Amino acid sequence: MGANKPTAERPGPIQLMAVAFPGNRFKGEILPELDRLKRRRIVRVLDLLLVRKDRLGNVMVGTASDLDWEEATALGSYVGGLAGLATGGAEGFERGAMFGAAEMADGHVFDDEDVFRLGEALGDDMSAILLLLQHTWARPLLDAVENAGGIELMNEWVRPESIFDVETSARADG
């Protein structure tokens, strides 16, 4: 595998997005756009959870992922290992890696607890999507920064309406 290819050990930026749809109104625009982004290798769906609650309060669930079993367990092991290292040092790394791989063995980050909590949070006649996206486009840029000896100091998503808050904050820090 090339250095610029996202792998379980070098996943690139991962974004968690939650979107709600009152009235269960879908216009059919989201999945085609997501497919377009995936075909262009801009994003990859690590996990998707759709919870739909009808007018009577009945809950229906749908899931999807672009990961096969090997990729899912490798990513779970990597992320679990990092979490274990942060909390328990070298011993925690091994335990975390095993736990993470087991958690991802079904190919999904989101579990029954997430389904329950999301279903409880939704009103009747409402849907929500939890989407865990890997931004594959960013891996080559991050590799270039690393190869140039750069050290990432910050990496955050900024909403357009917050741009001037970030600028003001950067001036105050400098």
N, C-alpha and C. Protein backbone atom coordinates (compact mmCIF):
# COMPACT_ATOMS: atom_id res chain seq x y z
N MET A 1 0.83 -1.18 0.00
CA MET A 1 0.00 0.00 0.00
C MET A 1 0.87 1.24 0.00
N GLY A 2 0.50 2.23 -0.80
CA GLY A 2 1.26 3.47 -0.85
C GLY A 2 1.07 4.30 0.40
N ALA A 3 2.04 5.20 0.64
CA ALA A 3 2.00 6.03 1.83
C ALA A 3 0.80 6.97 1.83
N ASN A 4 0.30 7.29 0.67
CA ASN A 4 -0.80 8.26 0.59
C ASN A 4 -2.18 7.61 0.63
N LYS A 5 -2.23 6.29 0.70
CA LYS A 5 -3.53 5.62 0.71
C LYS A 5 -4.04 5.50 2.14
N PRO A 6 -5.27 5.96 2.40
CA PRO A 6 -5.82 5.80 3.75
C PRO A 6 -5.94 4.33 4.11
N THR A 7 -5.51 3.98 5.30
CA THR A 7 -5.63 2.61 5.81
C THR A 7 -6.20 2.69 7.21
N ALA A 8 -6.41 1.53 7.82
CA ALA A 8 -6.91 1.51 9.19
C ALA A 8 -5.94 2.21 10.13
N GLU A 9 -4.63 2.09 9.85
CA GLU A 9 -3.63 2.71 10.71
C GLU A 9 -3.39 4.18 10.36
N ARG A 10 -3.85 4.63 9.23
CA ARG A 10 -3.69 6.02 8.80
C ARG A 10 -5.01 6.48 8.16
N PRO A 11 -6.07 6.57 8.97
CA PRO A 11 -7.39 6.78 8.38
C PRO A 11 -7.66 8.18 7.84
N GLY A 12 -6.92 9.18 8.24
CA GLY A 12 -7.26 10.54 7.86
C GLY A 12 -8.39 11.05 8.73
N PRO A 13 -8.83 12.27 8.48
CA PRO A 13 -9.87 12.87 9.33
C PRO A 13 -11.18 12.08 9.29
N ILE A 14 -11.79 11.94 10.46
CA ILE A 14 -13.07 11.26 10.58
C ILE A 14 -14.07 12.25 11.17
N GLN A 15 -15.22 12.33 10.56
CA GLN A 15 -16.26 13.28 10.96
C GLN A 15 -17.51 12.52 11.37
N LEU A 16 -18.11 12.93 12.49
CA LEU A 16 -19.40 12.41 12.92
C LEU A 16 -20.44 13.48 12.62
N MET A 17 -21.45 13.09 11.87
CA MET A 17 -22.51 14.01 11.49
C MET A 17 -23.85 13.41 11.91
N ALA A 18 -24.70 14.23 12.50
CA ALA A 18 -26.05 13.80 12.85
C ALA A 18 -27.03 14.77 12.19
N VAL A 19 -28.01 14.22 11.51
CA VAL A 19 -28.99 15.03 10.79
C VAL A 19 -30.39 14.48 11.10
N ALA A 20 -31.31 15.38 11.42
CA ALA A 20 -32.69 14.97 11.71
C ALA A 20 -33.62 15.46 10.61
N PHE A 21 -34.71 14.73 10.41
CA PHE A 21 -35.69 15.05 9.39
C PHE A 21 -37.09 15.02 9.99
N PRO A 22 -37.61 16.16 10.41
CA PRO A 22 -38.99 16.20 10.91
C PRO A 22 -39.96 15.77 9.81
N GLY A 23 -40.98 15.04 10.20
CA GLY A 23 -41.99 14.60 9.24
C GLY A 23 -41.50 13.49 8.33
N ASN A 24 -40.32 12.92 8.62
CA ASN A 24 -39.76 11.85 7.78
C ASN A 24 -39.71 12.25 6.31
N ARG A 25 -39.42 13.52 6.06
CA ARG A 25 -39.39 14.01 4.68
C ARG A 25 -37.99 13.88 4.09
N PHE A 26 -37.84 12.91 3.22
CA PHE A 26 -36.61 12.76 2.45
C PHE A 26 -36.92 13.15 1.02
N LYS A 27 -36.00 13.84 0.39
CA LYS A 27 -36.22 14.24 -0.99
C LYS A 27 -35.38 13.42 -1.97
N GLY A 28 -34.63 12.45 -1.45
CA GLY A 28 -33.84 11.60 -2.33
C GLY A 28 -32.56 12.23 -2.82
N GLU A 29 -32.08 13.26 -2.15
CA GLU A 29 -30.87 13.96 -2.59
C GLU A 29 -29.61 13.49 -1.87
N ILE A 30 -29.74 12.93 -0.70
CA ILE A 30 -28.58 12.64 0.14
C ILE A 30 -27.78 11.44 -0.37
N LEU A 31 -28.43 10.31 -0.59
CA LEU A 31 -27.71 9.11 -1.01
C LEU A 31 -27.02 9.27 -2.37
N PRO A 32 -27.66 9.88 -3.37
CA PRO A 32 -26.93 10.09 -4.63
C PRO A 32 -25.69 10.98 -4.45
N GLU A 33 -25.79 11.99 -3.60
CA GLU A 33 -24.63 12.86 -3.37
C GLU A 33 -23.54 12.10 -2.62
N LEU A 34 -23.93 11.31 -1.64
CA LEU A 34 -22.97 10.50 -0.90
C LEU A 34 -22.30 9.50 -1.85
N ASP A 35 -23.06 8.87 -2.71
CA ASP A 35 -22.49 7.94 -3.71
C ASP A 35 -21.50 8.66 -4.63
N ARG A 36 -21.83 9.87 -5.05
CA ARG A 36 -20.94 10.65 -5.92
C ARG A 36 -19.61 10.92 -5.21
N LEU A 37 -19.69 11.34 -3.94
CA LEU A 37 -18.48 11.62 -3.17
C LEU A 37 -17.64 10.36 -2.96
N LYS A 38 -18.32 9.23 -2.76
CA LYS A 38 -17.61 7.96 -2.59
C LYS A 38 -16.94 7.54 -3.90
N ARG A 39 -17.63 7.66 -5.02
CA ARG A 39 -17.05 7.29 -6.32
C ARG A 39 -15.81 8.11 -6.63
N ARG A 40 -15.81 9.37 -6.22
CA ARG A 40 -14.67 10.26 -6.47
C ARG A 40 -13.59 10.11 -5.40
N ARG A 41 -13.81 9.19 -4.46
CA ARG A 41 -12.87 8.90 -3.36
C ARG A 41 -12.57 10.13 -2.52
N ILE A 42 -13.61 10.92 -2.29
CA ILE A 42 -13.51 12.09 -1.42
C ILE A 42 -13.83 11.69 0.01
N VAL A 43 -14.86 10.86 0.17
CA VAL A 43 -15.23 10.36 1.50
C VAL A 43 -15.46 8.86 1.42
N ARG A 44 -15.51 8.28 2.60
CA ARG A 44 -15.82 6.87 2.75
C ARG A 44 -16.73 6.75 3.97
N VAL A 45 -17.78 5.96 3.88
CA VAL A 45 -18.71 5.77 4.99
C VAL A 45 -18.16 4.68 5.91
N LEU A 46 -17.72 5.10 7.10
CA LEU A 46 -17.26 4.13 8.09
C LEU A 46 -18.46 3.48 8.76
N ASP A 47 -19.50 4.28 8.98
CA ASP A 47 -20.74 3.73 9.53
C ASP A 47 -21.87 4.71 9.28
N LEU A 48 -23.05 4.17 9.05
CA LEU A 48 -24.25 4.97 8.85
C LEU A 48 -25.38 4.27 9.60
N LEU A 49 -26.09 5.05 10.39
CA LEU A 49 -27.24 4.53 11.13
C LEU A 49 -28.42 5.44 10.84
N LEU A 50 -29.48 4.85 10.31
CA LEU A 50 -30.72 5.57 10.07
C LEU A 50 -31.77 5.03 11.03
N VAL A 51 -32.37 5.92 11.79
CA VAL A 51 -33.46 5.54 12.69
C VAL A 51 -34.68 6.35 12.27
N ARG A 52 -35.76 5.66 11.96
CA ARG A 52 -37.00 6.30 11.52
C ARG A 52 -38.11 5.94 12.51
N LYS A 53 -38.80 6.96 12.98
CA LYS A 53 -39.92 6.74 13.90
C LYS A 53 -41.19 7.21 13.19
N ASP A 54 -42.16 6.31 13.08
CA ASP A 54 -43.38 6.67 12.37
C ASP A 54 -44.35 7.42 13.30
N ARG A 55 -45.52 7.75 12.78
CA ARG A 55 -46.50 8.53 13.55
C ARG A 55 -47.00 7.81 14.79
N LEU A 56 -46.91 6.49 14.81
CA LEU A 56 -47.36 5.70 15.95
C LEU A 56 -46.23 5.40 16.94
N GLY A 57 -45.03 5.88 16.63
CA GLY A 57 -43.89 5.66 17.52
C GLY A 57 -43.11 4.39 17.25
N ASN A 58 -43.47 3.67 16.17
CA ASN A 58 -42.72 2.46 15.80
C ASN A 58 -41.37 2.87 15.20
N VAL A 59 -40.32 2.17 15.59
CA VAL A 59 -38.97 2.51 15.14
C VAL A 59 -38.48 1.50 14.11
N MET A 60 -37.93 2.02 13.01
CA MET A 60 -37.30 1.21 11.98
C MET A 60 -35.85 1.64 11.87
N VAL A 61 -34.97 0.70 11.60
CA VAL A 61 -33.53 0.96 11.60
C VAL A 61 -32.90 0.48 10.31
N GLY A 62 -31.95 1.25 9.80
CA GLY A 62 -31.15 0.85 8.65
C GLY A 62 -29.69 1.19 8.93
N THR A 63 -28.79 0.35 8.43
CA THR A 63 -27.36 0.59 8.62
C THR A 63 -26.63 0.38 7.31
N ALA A 64 -25.44 0.97 7.21
CA ALA A 64 -24.58 0.77 6.05
C ALA A 64 -23.15 1.10 6.44
N SER A 65 -22.21 0.52 5.70
CA SER A 65 -20.79 0.80 5.90
C SER A 65 -20.05 0.42 4.64
N ASP A 66 -18.98 1.14 4.36
CA ASP A 66 -18.13 0.78 3.22
C ASP A 66 -17.01 -0.17 3.63
N LEU A 67 -16.92 -0.51 4.91
CA LEU A 67 -15.83 -1.35 5.41
C LEU A 67 -16.18 -2.83 5.30
N ASP A 68 -15.20 -3.63 4.88
CA ASP A 68 -15.39 -5.07 4.99
C ASP A 68 -14.95 -5.49 6.39
N TRP A 69 -15.07 -6.77 6.72
CA TRP A 69 -14.79 -7.24 8.07
C TRP A 69 -13.35 -6.94 8.48
N GLU A 70 -12.39 -7.22 7.60
CA GLU A 70 -10.98 -6.99 7.93
C GLU A 70 -10.71 -5.52 8.20
N GLU A 71 -11.25 -4.65 7.35
CA GLU A 71 -11.05 -3.21 7.55
C GLU A 71 -11.70 -2.72 8.84
N ALA A 72 -12.90 -3.22 9.11
CA ALA A 72 -13.62 -2.79 10.31
C ALA A 72 -12.88 -3.21 11.57
N THR A 73 -12.42 -4.46 11.63
CA THR A 73 -11.73 -4.91 12.84
C THR A 73 -10.36 -4.25 12.96
N ALA A 74 -9.69 -3.98 11.84
CA ALA A 74 -8.39 -3.29 11.90
C ALA A 74 -8.58 -1.86 12.41
N LEU A 75 -9.62 -1.18 11.91
CA LEU A 75 -9.89 0.18 12.39
C LEU A 75 -10.27 0.16 13.86
N GLY A 76 -11.10 -0.79 14.26
CA GLY A 76 -11.48 -0.91 15.67
C GLY A 76 -10.27 -1.16 16.56
N SER A 77 -9.36 -2.01 16.11
CA SER A 77 -8.15 -2.30 16.86
C SER A 77 -7.27 -1.05 16.99
N TYR A 78 -7.12 -0.33 15.90
CA TYR A 78 -6.30 0.89 15.89
C TYR A 78 -6.87 1.95 16.83
N VAL A 79 -8.15 2.24 16.68
CA VAL A 79 -8.80 3.28 17.50
C VAL A 79 -8.86 2.83 18.96
N GLY A 80 -9.20 1.57 19.20
CA GLY A 80 -9.23 1.06 20.56
C GLY A 80 -7.86 1.11 21.20
N GLY A 81 -6.83 0.78 20.44
CA GLY A 81 -5.46 0.85 20.95
C GLY A 81 -5.06 2.26 21.34
N LEU A 82 -5.42 3.23 20.49
CA LEU A 82 -5.12 4.63 20.82
C LEU A 82 -5.83 5.07 22.09
N ALA A 83 -7.10 4.69 22.22
CA ALA A 83 -7.86 5.05 23.43
C ALA A 83 -7.25 4.37 24.65
N GLY A 84 -6.87 3.11 24.52
CA GLY A 84 -6.25 2.40 25.63
C GLY A 84 -4.91 2.98 26.02
N LEU A 85 -4.11 3.39 25.04
CA LEU A 85 -2.82 4.02 25.30
C LEU A 85 -2.99 5.32 26.06
N ALA A 86 -3.99 6.09 25.66
CA ALA A 86 -4.24 7.38 26.32
C ALA A 86 -4.67 7.21 27.78
N THR A 87 -5.36 6.12 28.08
CA THR A 87 -5.88 5.95 29.44
C THR A 87 -5.04 5.01 30.31
N GLY A 88 -4.30 4.06 29.67
CA GLY A 88 -3.60 3.08 30.49
C GLY A 88 -2.19 2.75 30.04
N GLY A 89 -1.60 3.59 29.21
CA GLY A 89 -0.23 3.33 28.76
C GLY A 89 -0.14 2.11 27.86
N ALA A 90 1.05 1.49 27.84
CA ALA A 90 1.31 0.35 26.95
C ALA A 90 0.36 -0.82 27.22
N GLU A 91 0.09 -1.11 28.50
CA GLU A 91 -0.86 -2.19 28.82
C GLU A 91 -2.25 -1.87 28.30
N GLY A 92 -2.64 -0.61 28.45
CA GLY A 92 -3.95 -0.17 27.98
C GLY A 92 -4.07 -0.27 26.47
N PHE A 93 -2.94 -0.08 25.76
CA PHE A 93 -2.96 -0.16 24.30
C PHE A 93 -3.41 -1.54 23.85
N GLU A 94 -2.82 -2.57 24.41
CA GLU A 94 -3.17 -3.94 24.00
C GLU A 94 -4.61 -4.28 24.33
N ARG A 95 -5.05 -3.94 25.54
CA ARG A 95 -6.45 -4.21 25.92
C ARG A 95 -7.41 -3.42 25.02
N GLY A 96 -7.08 -2.16 24.79
CA GLY A 96 -7.93 -1.33 23.94
C GLY A 96 -8.02 -1.85 22.52
N ALA A 97 -6.89 -2.32 21.99
CA ALA A 97 -6.88 -2.86 20.62
C ALA A 97 -7.77 -4.09 20.51
N MET A 98 -7.69 -4.97 21.49
CA MET A 98 -8.54 -6.17 21.46
C MET A 98 -10.01 -5.79 21.60
N PHE A 99 -10.31 -4.87 22.52
CA PHE A 99 -11.68 -4.43 22.72
C PHE A 99 -12.22 -3.76 21.45
N GLY A 100 -11.43 -2.88 20.85
CA GLY A 100 -11.87 -2.18 19.65
C GLY A 100 -12.15 -3.11 18.49
N ALA A 101 -11.28 -4.10 18.30
CA ALA A 101 -11.49 -5.07 17.21
C ALA A 101 -12.78 -5.84 17.44
N ALA A 102 -13.02 -6.24 18.68
CA ALA A 102 -14.25 -6.99 18.99
C ALA A 102 -15.49 -6.11 18.77
N GLU A 103 -15.40 -4.85 19.17
CA GLU A 103 -16.53 -3.93 19.00
C GLU A 103 -16.88 -3.72 17.53
N MET A 104 -15.90 -3.77 16.66
CA MET A 104 -16.12 -3.53 15.23
C MET A 104 -16.31 -4.82 14.44
N ALA A 105 -16.37 -5.96 15.10
CA ALA A 105 -16.48 -7.24 14.40
C ALA A 105 -17.74 -7.34 13.56
N ASP A 106 -18.80 -6.61 13.94
CA ASP A 106 -20.02 -6.64 13.13
C ASP A 106 -19.98 -5.60 12.01
N GLY A 107 -18.87 -4.87 11.90
CA GLY A 107 -18.72 -3.89 10.83
C GLY A 107 -19.28 -2.52 11.14
N HIS A 108 -19.74 -2.31 12.38
CA HIS A 108 -20.37 -1.03 12.72
C HIS A 108 -19.85 -0.47 14.03
N VAL A 109 -19.72 0.85 14.03
CA VAL A 109 -19.39 1.59 15.25
C VAL A 109 -20.65 1.77 16.08
N PHE A 110 -21.73 2.13 15.40
CA PHE A 110 -22.99 2.36 16.08
C PHE A 110 -23.61 1.04 16.50
N ASP A 111 -24.20 1.00 17.69
CA ASP A 111 -24.73 -0.24 18.23
C ASP A 111 -26.18 -0.07 18.69
N ASP A 112 -26.71 -1.11 19.33
CA ASP A 112 -28.10 -1.09 19.80
C ASP A 112 -28.36 0.05 20.78
N GLU A 113 -27.36 0.38 21.58
CA GLU A 113 -27.51 1.51 22.53
C GLU A 113 -27.72 2.82 21.77
N ASP A 114 -26.99 3.01 20.68
CA ASP A 114 -27.17 4.21 19.85
C ASP A 114 -28.56 4.24 19.22
N VAL A 115 -29.03 3.08 18.76
CA VAL A 115 -30.38 2.98 18.19
C VAL A 115 -31.40 3.38 19.24
N PHE A 116 -31.26 2.83 20.45
CA PHE A 116 -32.20 3.12 21.53
C PHE A 116 -32.19 4.62 21.86
N ARG A 117 -31.00 5.18 22.07
CA ARG A 117 -30.92 6.60 22.45
C ARG A 117 -31.46 7.51 21.37
N LEU A 118 -31.15 7.21 20.12
CA LEU A 118 -31.65 8.04 19.03
C LEU A 118 -33.16 7.89 18.89
N GLY A 119 -33.66 6.67 19.02
CA GLY A 119 -35.11 6.45 18.96
C GLY A 119 -35.84 7.19 20.07
N GLU A 120 -35.27 7.20 21.27
CA GLU A 120 -35.87 7.92 22.40
C GLU A 120 -35.84 9.44 22.18
N ALA A 121 -34.80 9.93 21.54
CA ALA A 121 -34.66 11.37 21.32
C ALA A 121 -35.57 11.89 20.22
N LEU A 122 -35.95 11.03 19.28
CA LEU A 122 -36.79 11.45 18.16
C LEU A 122 -38.25 11.57 18.57
N GLY A 123 -38.90 12.57 18.05
CA GLY A 123 -40.33 12.65 18.18
C GLY A 123 -40.98 11.71 17.18
N ASP A 124 -42.28 11.48 17.32
CA ASP A 124 -42.99 10.66 16.35
C ASP A 124 -42.94 11.34 14.99
N ASP A 125 -42.97 10.54 13.93
CA ASP A 125 -42.92 11.02 12.56
C ASP A 125 -41.64 11.82 12.29
N MET A 126 -40.52 11.24 12.70
CA MET A 126 -39.24 11.90 12.55
C MET A 126 -38.16 10.85 12.27
N SER A 127 -37.13 11.25 11.54
CA SER A 127 -36.00 10.37 11.25
C SER A 127 -34.71 11.09 11.57
N ALA A 128 -33.65 10.30 11.79
CA ALA A 128 -32.33 10.87 11.99
C ALA A 128 -31.29 9.92 11.42
N ILE A 129 -30.19 10.50 10.97
CA ILE A 129 -29.06 9.75 10.45
C ILE A 129 -27.83 10.11 11.26
N LEU A 130 -27.12 9.09 11.72
CA LEU A 130 -25.77 9.26 12.26
C LEU A 130 -24.83 8.76 11.19
N LEU A 131 -23.87 9.58 10.83
CA LEU A 131 -22.98 9.26 9.73
C LEU A 131 -21.54 9.49 10.17
N LEU A 132 -20.74 8.45 10.10
CA LEU A 132 -19.33 8.54 10.42
C LEU A 132 -18.57 8.47 9.10
N LEU A 133 -17.99 9.61 8.71
CA LEU A 133 -17.32 9.72 7.42
C LEU A 133 -15.81 9.80 7.58
N GLN A 134 -15.10 9.11 6.72
CA GLN A 134 -13.66 9.25 6.62
C GLN A 134 -13.39 10.17 5.44
N HIS A 135 -12.65 11.24 5.67
CA HIS A 135 -12.32 12.18 4.59
C HIS A 135 -11.03 11.73 3.93
N THR A 136 -11.17 10.87 2.92
CA THR A 136 -10.02 10.26 2.27
C THR A 136 -9.20 11.27 1.47
N TRP A 137 -9.81 12.35 1.03
CA TRP A 137 -9.09 13.37 0.27
C TRP A 137 -7.96 14.00 1.08
N ALA A 138 -8.07 14.02 2.41
CA ALA A 138 -7.12 14.73 3.26
C ALA A 138 -5.86 13.93 3.56
N ARG A 139 -5.88 12.61 3.37
CA ARG A 139 -4.71 11.80 3.74
C ARG A 139 -3.44 12.24 3.02
N PRO A 140 -3.47 12.46 1.68
CA PRO A 140 -2.24 12.90 1.01
C PRO A 140 -1.74 14.26 1.52
N LEU A 141 -2.65 15.15 1.85
CA LEU A 141 -2.23 16.45 2.40
C LEU A 141 -1.57 16.27 3.76
N LEU A 142 -2.16 15.45 4.62
CA LEU A 142 -1.57 15.20 5.93
C LEU A 142 -0.21 14.51 5.81
N ASP A 143 -0.08 13.60 4.84
CA ASP A 143 1.20 12.95 4.60
C ASP A 143 2.25 13.97 4.14
N ALA A 144 1.85 14.90 3.28
CA ALA A 144 2.78 15.94 2.81
C ALA A 144 3.26 16.81 3.97
N VAL A 145 2.36 17.16 4.87
CA VAL A 145 2.73 17.95 6.05
C VAL A 145 3.74 17.16 6.89
N GLU A 146 3.45 15.88 7.11
CA GLU A 146 4.35 15.04 7.89
C GLU A 146 5.71 14.89 7.22
N ASN A 147 5.71 14.66 5.90
CA ASN A 147 6.96 14.50 5.15
C ASN A 147 7.80 15.77 5.16
N ALA A 148 7.13 16.93 5.27
CA ALA A 148 7.84 18.21 5.32
C ALA A 148 8.31 18.54 6.73
N GLY A 149 8.06 17.63 7.69
CA GLY A 149 8.48 17.87 9.07
C GLY A 149 7.51 18.72 9.86
N GLY A 150 6.31 18.91 9.32
CA GLY A 150 5.31 19.72 10.01
C GLY A 150 4.67 18.96 11.16
N ILE A 151 4.20 19.70 12.12
CA ILE A 151 3.51 19.14 13.28
C ILE A 151 2.12 19.76 13.34
N GLU A 152 1.11 18.93 13.30
CA GLU A 152 -0.26 19.43 13.33
C GLU A 152 -0.57 19.99 14.72
N LEU A 153 -0.91 21.27 14.77
CA LEU A 153 -1.22 21.93 16.04
C LEU A 153 -2.72 21.93 16.33
N MET A 154 -3.53 21.97 15.30
CA MET A 154 -4.97 22.01 15.48
C MET A 154 -5.63 21.49 14.21
N ASN A 155 -6.76 20.84 14.37
CA ASN A 155 -7.51 20.34 13.22
C ASN A 155 -8.97 20.30 13.64
N GLU A 156 -9.72 21.32 13.30
CA GLU A 156 -11.12 21.41 13.70
C GLU A 156 -11.98 21.80 12.51
N TRP A 157 -13.24 21.37 12.56
CA TRP A 157 -14.21 21.83 11.59
C TRP A 157 -14.72 23.19 12.06
N VAL A 158 -14.83 24.14 11.16
CA VAL A 158 -15.31 25.47 11.50
C VAL A 158 -16.50 25.77 10.61
N ARG A 159 -17.61 26.13 11.24
CA ARG A 159 -18.80 26.50 10.47
C ARG A 159 -18.59 27.89 9.88
N PRO A 160 -19.09 28.15 8.66
CA PRO A 160 -18.86 29.45 8.02
C PRO A 160 -19.26 30.64 8.89
N GLU A 161 -20.36 30.51 9.64
CA GLU A 161 -20.80 31.63 10.46
C GLU A 161 -19.87 31.90 11.64
N SER A 162 -18.92 30.99 11.87
CA SER A 162 -17.99 31.15 12.98
C SER A 162 -16.61 31.63 12.56
N ILE A 163 -16.41 31.88 11.28
CA ILE A 163 -15.09 32.26 10.77
C ILE A 163 -14.53 33.47 11.51
N PHE A 164 -15.32 34.50 11.70
CA PHE A 164 -14.80 35.71 12.35
C PHE A 164 -14.51 35.48 13.82
N ASP A 165 -15.21 34.55 14.46
CA ASP A 165 -14.88 34.20 15.84
C ASP A 165 -13.51 33.55 15.91
N VAL A 166 -13.19 32.69 14.91
CA VAL A 166 -11.89 32.03 14.87
C VAL A 166 -10.81 33.06 14.63
N GLU A 167 -11.05 33.98 13.71
CA GLU A 167 -10.06 35.02 13.41
C GLU A 167 -9.79 35.87 14.63
N THR A 168 -10.82 36.29 15.34
CA THR A 168 -10.67 37.09 16.55
C THR A 168 -9.90 36.31 17.61
N SER A 169 -10.22 35.04 17.76
CA SER A 169 -9.55 34.18 18.75
C SER A 169 -8.07 34.01 18.40
N ALA A 170 -7.75 33.85 17.12
CA ALA A 170 -6.36 33.69 16.70
C ALA A 170 -5.56 34.96 16.97
N ARG A 171 -6.17 36.13 16.76
CA ARG A 171 -5.48 37.39 17.05
C ARG A 171 -5.23 37.54 18.53
N ALA A 172 -6.17 37.14 19.35
CA ALA A 172 -6.04 37.26 20.82
C ALA A 172 -4.94 36.33 21.32
N ASP A 173 -4.79 35.15 20.69
CA ASP A 173 -3.77 34.19 21.12
C ASP A 173 -2.37 34.61 20.66
N GLY A 174 -2.29 35.35 19.56
CA GLY A 174 -0.98 35.70 18.98
C GLY A 174 -0.43 36.92 19.51
